[in-house]
């Protein structure tokens, strides 16, 4: 999931650099935001399987 987020951010930066229409940039930004929030929610709610 981390790699997918990095690829989304890289493609977002490339689109901004190339001057693509604002609609595509906002759409990709929201998709990236949803992926980041989903990963954060997974890490926050995942149990820690620690045994000492």
C-alpha atoms as a PDB file:
ATOM      1  CA  UNK A   1       0.000   0.000   0.000  1.00  0.00           C
ATOM      2  CA  UNK A   2       2.885   2.349   0.726  1.00  0.00           C
ATOM      3  CA  UNK A   3       4.271   1.867  -2.769  1.00  0.00           C
ATOM      4  CA  UNK A   4       0.874   2.633  -4.300  1.00  0.00           C
ATOM      5  CA  UNK A   5       0.675   5.895  -2.358  1.00  0.00           C
ATOM      6  CA  UNK A   6       4.188   6.878  -3.453  1.00  0.00           C
ATOM      7  CA  UNK A   7       3.319   6.130  -7.096  1.00  0.00           C
ATOM      8  CA  UNK A   8       0.135   8.202  -6.783  1.00  0.00           C
ATOM      9  CA  UNK A   9       2.096  11.118  -5.309  1.00  0.00           C
ATOM     10  CA  UNK A  10       4.756  10.876  -8.023  1.00  0.00           C
ATOM     11  CA  UNK A  11       2.153  10.816 -10.784  1.00  0.00           C
ATOM     12  CA  UNK A  12       0.396  13.761  -9.134  1.00  0.00           C
ATOM     13  CA  UNK A  13       3.658  15.738  -9.162  1.00  0.00           C
ATOM     14  CA  UNK A  14       4.240  14.848 -12.830  1.00  0.00           C
ATOM     15  CA  UNK A  15       0.724  15.970 -13.754  1.00  0.00           C
ATOM     16  CA  UNK A  16       1.201  19.257 -11.918  1.00  0.00           C
ATOM     17  CA  UNK A  17       4.575  19.781 -13.634  1.00  0.00           C
ATOM     18  CA  UNK A  18       3.091  19.136 -17.071  1.00  0.00           C
ATOM     19  CA  UNK A  19       0.214  21.531 -16.452  1.00  0.00           C
ATOM     20  CA  UNK A  20      -2.671  19.111 -16.837  1.00  0.00           C
ATOM     21  CA  UNK A  21      -6.195  20.380 -16.248  1.00  0.00           C
ATOM     22  CA  UNK A  22      -7.186  21.103 -12.655  1.00  0.00           C
ATOM     23  CA  UNK A  23      -9.927  18.457 -12.640  1.00  0.00           C
ATOM     24  CA  UNK A  24      -7.484  15.571 -13.142  1.00  0.00           C
ATOM     25  CA  UNK A  25      -5.141  16.912 -10.490  1.00  0.00           C
ATOM     26  CA  UNK A  26      -7.936  17.267  -7.935  1.00  0.00           C
ATOM     27  CA  UNK A  27      -9.287  13.812  -8.736  1.00  0.00           C
ATOM     28  CA  UNK A  28      -5.884  12.192  -8.271  1.00  0.00           C
ATOM     29  CA  UNK A  29      -5.304  14.218  -5.098  1.00  0.00           C
ATOM     30  CA  UNK A  30      -8.566  12.950  -3.591  1.00  0.00           C
ATOM     31  CA  UNK A  31      -7.743   9.352  -4.560  1.00  0.00           C
ATOM     32  CA  UNK A  32      -4.344   9.739  -2.891  1.00  0.00           C
ATOM     33  CA  UNK A  33      -5.936  11.282   0.190  1.00  0.00           C
ATOM     34  CA  UNK A  34      -8.375   8.377   0.503  1.00  0.00           C
ATOM     35  CA  UNK A  35      -5.497   5.891   0.186  1.00  0.00           C
ATOM     36  CA  UNK A  36      -3.481   7.692   2.870  1.00  0.00           C
ATOM     37  CA  UNK A  37      -6.451   7.825   5.233  1.00  0.00           C
ATOM     38  CA  UNK A  38      -7.215   4.152   4.648  1.00  0.00           C
ATOM     39  CA  UNK A  39      -3.613   3.204   5.410  1.00  0.00           C
ATOM     40  CA  UNK A  40      -3.626   5.389   8.518  1.00  0.00           C
ATOM     41  CA  UNK A  41      -6.903   3.824   9.702  1.00  0.00           C
ATOM     42  CA  UNK A  42      -5.475   0.349   9.146  1.00  0.00           C
ATOM     43  CA  UNK A  43      -2.345   1.128  11.164  1.00  0.00           C
ATOM     44  CA  UNK A  44      -4.301   2.744  13.991  1.00  0.00           C
ATOM     45  CA  UNK A  45      -6.840  -0.049  14.345  1.00  0.00           C
ATOM     46  CA  UNK A  46      -4.561  -3.052  13.750  1.00  0.00           C
ATOM     47  CA  UNK A  47      -3.809  -5.062  16.884  1.00  0.00           C
ATOM     48  CA  UNK A  48      -0.238  -5.426  18.025  1.00  0.00           C
ATOM     49  CA  UNK A  49       0.605  -9.084  18.380  1.00  0.00           C
ATOM     50  CA  UNK A  50       3.286  -8.746  21.010  1.00  0.00           C
ATOM     51  CA  UNK A  51       4.406 -11.635  23.142  1.00  0.00           C
ATOM     52  CA  UNK A  52       6.996 -11.304  25.866  1.00  0.00           C
END
